[in-house]
Structure formats: structure tokens, C-alpha cells
Amino acid sequence: MSKRDEFIEQMKARLDEWNAEIDELAARARQASDEAQVKYEEDIERLKQRRDETRRRLDELQHASEAAWDSLRQGMEESWELMRKAFRDAWRHEPPPGGPPDVSPDDRPDSRPDEGPDRQ
């Protein structure tokens, strides 16, 4: 598998993980206080927008010529970083009632700056 194909597959897997994490945040929002629920919903909407932008960039990347590959890859990595930060911020709200304490954003795998499509 070429580096390009490998990168694309990694980003597809990341999108799947983001979808699952958005679903988890939505479940947490349903159990949160009214104030926290509003914050969750705002964050979830931002996450969905960033996810959709990342998906659009991935589609461009899949159909790009070799000459455009480096530029589009850089844009994809920037999208990944923005999404990582958005998830880190979204997890800062209160935990669900009776649930475990919220995981520190720095302890979540997606918030570690040394991890990512090219940092493994």
C-alpha cells in the first residue's frame, strides 16, 4: 500500500472514531444539566461541521493528482488538528449524573500532540 493510500485509510478510520465520539458526546449531553446540555450541543454542532470539512478534504485528497498531494495532505493534517482541539474542548463539560468523573482532555488519546496520522 502506498503512503498516500495508507494516509487516506488512517483518515477514514479517524472519521469513524470521530463519529463514535460525537455520538458519545450526544449521549452525555442528554444526561447533563440544562446549562451543560446547551454547551454540549454547541460543541457537537461545531464538531459535525469540522468533521464534514475534514470529510470534504479527504474526498479531494482521494481524487487529487500527485502534484496536488502535498498541499492537500497539509490541509488534511490541519483539519485533523482542529478537530482534535475541538474534541478536547468538548470533553470539558460536566460528567453525566452518577457517571464517572470526566476524563481529563490530556488523558484522551485524541488530545496527545504526538499522535496523529503521521506521528505513530
Protein backbone atom coordinates (compact mmCIF):
# COMPACT_ATOMS: atom_id res chain seq x y z
CA MET A 1 0.00 0.00 0.00
CA SER A 2 1.38 3.42 -0.91
CA LYS A 3 1.92 6.11 1.70
CA ARG A 4 -0.91 8.05 0.13
CA ASP A 5 -3.34 5.11 0.39
CA GLU A 6 -2.17 4.41 3.92
CA PHE A 7 -2.77 8.03 4.93
CA ILE A 8 -6.25 8.01 3.38
CA GLU A 9 -7.15 4.80 5.22
CA GLN A 10 -5.92 6.27 8.50
CA MET A 11 -8.08 9.35 7.99
CA LYS A 12 -11.13 7.24 7.14
CA ALA A 13 -10.61 5.33 10.38
CA ARG A 14 -10.23 8.62 12.25
CA LEU A 15 -13.53 9.86 10.81
CA ASP A 16 -15.22 6.68 12.05
CA GLU A 17 -13.76 7.28 15.51
CA TRP A 18 -14.95 10.89 15.46
CA ASN A 19 -18.47 9.80 14.57
CA ALA A 20 -18.50 7.42 17.53
CA GLU A 21 -17.15 10.11 19.82
CA ILE A 22 -19.77 12.61 18.63
CA ASP A 23 -22.43 10.00 19.45
CA GLU A 24 -20.89 9.56 22.91
CA LEU A 25 -20.97 13.32 23.50
CA ALA A 26 -24.61 13.43 22.40
CA ALA A 27 -25.46 10.70 24.92
CA ARG A 28 -23.64 12.60 27.64
CA ALA A 29 -25.48 15.80 26.68
CA ARG A 30 -28.84 14.11 27.17
CA GLN A 31 -27.88 13.35 30.78
CA ALA A 32 -26.30 16.72 31.58
CA SER A 33 -27.77 19.74 33.31
CA ASP A 34 -29.61 22.23 31.12
CA GLU A 35 -26.65 24.61 31.08
CA ALA A 36 -24.13 21.90 30.22
CA GLN A 37 -26.51 20.43 27.65
CA VAL A 38 -26.54 23.72 25.73
CA LYS A 39 -22.73 23.77 25.73
CA TYR A 40 -22.56 20.16 24.57
CA GLU A 41 -25.00 20.83 21.74
CA GLU A 42 -22.98 23.84 20.58
CA ASP A 43 -19.79 21.79 20.67
CA ILE A 44 -21.43 18.87 18.88
CA GLU A 45 -22.60 21.18 16.10
CA ARG A 46 -19.04 22.56 15.71
CA LEU A 47 -17.63 19.03 15.71
CA LYS A 48 -20.05 17.96 12.99
CA GLN A 49 -19.07 20.97 10.88
CA ARG A 50 -15.36 20.22 11.31
CA ARG A 51 -15.97 16.53 10.59
CA ASP A 52 -17.81 17.42 7.39
CA GLU A 53 -14.99 19.76 6.35
CA THR A 54 -12.46 17.01 7.04
CA ARG A 55 -14.53 14.54 5.01
CA ARG A 56 -14.65 17.04 2.11
CA ARG A 57 -10.86 17.44 2.25
CA LEU A 58 -10.43 13.68 2.34
CA ASP A 59 -12.58 13.37 -0.80
CA GLU A 60 -10.39 15.99 -2.51
CA LEU A 61 -7.29 14.14 -1.39
CA GLN A 62 -8.53 10.84 -2.80
CA HIS A 63 -9.08 12.40 -6.23
CA ALA A 64 -6.04 14.69 -6.28
CA SER A 65 -3.18 14.43 -8.69
CA GLU A 66 0.25 13.60 -7.36
CA ALA A 67 1.23 17.25 -7.86
CA ALA A 68 -1.54 18.43 -5.52
CA TRP A 69 -0.98 15.66 -2.96
CA ASP A 70 1.41 17.52 -0.60
CA SER A 71 -0.72 20.64 -0.44
CA LEU A 72 -3.93 18.72 0.18
CA ARG A 73 -2.26 16.47 2.71
CA GLN A 74 -1.13 19.52 4.67
CA GLY A 75 -4.71 20.83 4.63
CA MET A 76 -5.93 17.46 5.85
CA GLU A 77 -3.45 17.48 8.72
CA GLU A 78 -4.60 20.99 9.67
CA SER A 79 -8.21 19.76 9.70
CA TRP A 80 -7.19 16.85 11.90
CA GLU A 81 -5.53 19.21 14.37
CA LEU A 82 -8.58 21.50 14.51
CA MET A 83 -10.82 18.51 15.11
CA ARG A 84 -8.56 17.20 17.86
CA LYS A 85 -8.72 20.57 19.63
CA ALA A 86 -12.49 20.74 19.22
CA PHE A 87 -12.88 17.31 20.84
CA ARG A 88 -10.58 18.31 23.68
CA ASP A 89 -12.74 21.37 24.35
CA ALA A 90 -16.00 19.42 24.07
CA TRP A 91 -14.97 16.94 26.77
CA ARG A 92 -14.55 19.69 29.36
CA HIS A 93 -18.22 19.82 30.36
CA GLU A 94 -19.67 18.19 33.44
CA PRO A 95 -19.93 14.38 33.61
CA PRO A 96 -23.34 12.73 33.42
CA PRO A 97 -25.19 12.39 36.76
CA GLY A 98 -24.00 9.32 38.63
CA GLY A 99 -21.35 8.72 35.99
CA PRO A 100 -17.60 8.59 36.35
CA PRO A 101 -15.69 11.85 36.54
CA ASP A 102 -14.84 13.32 33.19
CA VAL A 103 -11.59 12.17 31.66
CA SER A 104 -9.02 14.91 31.54
CA PRO A 105 -8.66 16.12 27.95
CA ASP A 106 -4.93 15.45 28.20
CA ASP A 107 -5.63 11.79 29.02
CA ARG A 108 -7.80 11.18 25.95
CA PRO A 109 -5.90 9.57 23.04
CA ASP A 110 -7.07 12.23 20.57
CA SER A 111 -5.55 15.05 22.61
CA ARG A 112 -1.98 13.84 22.66
CA PRO A 113 0.02 16.10 20.35
CA ASP A 114 2.48 13.36 19.45
CA GLU A 115 -0.23 11.15 17.95
CA GLY A 116 -1.82 11.56 14.58
CA PRO A 117 -1.75 10.12 11.10
CA ASP A 118 1.99 10.71 10.66
CA ARG A 119 3.15 10.63 14.25
CA GLN A 120 2.85 6.95 15.06
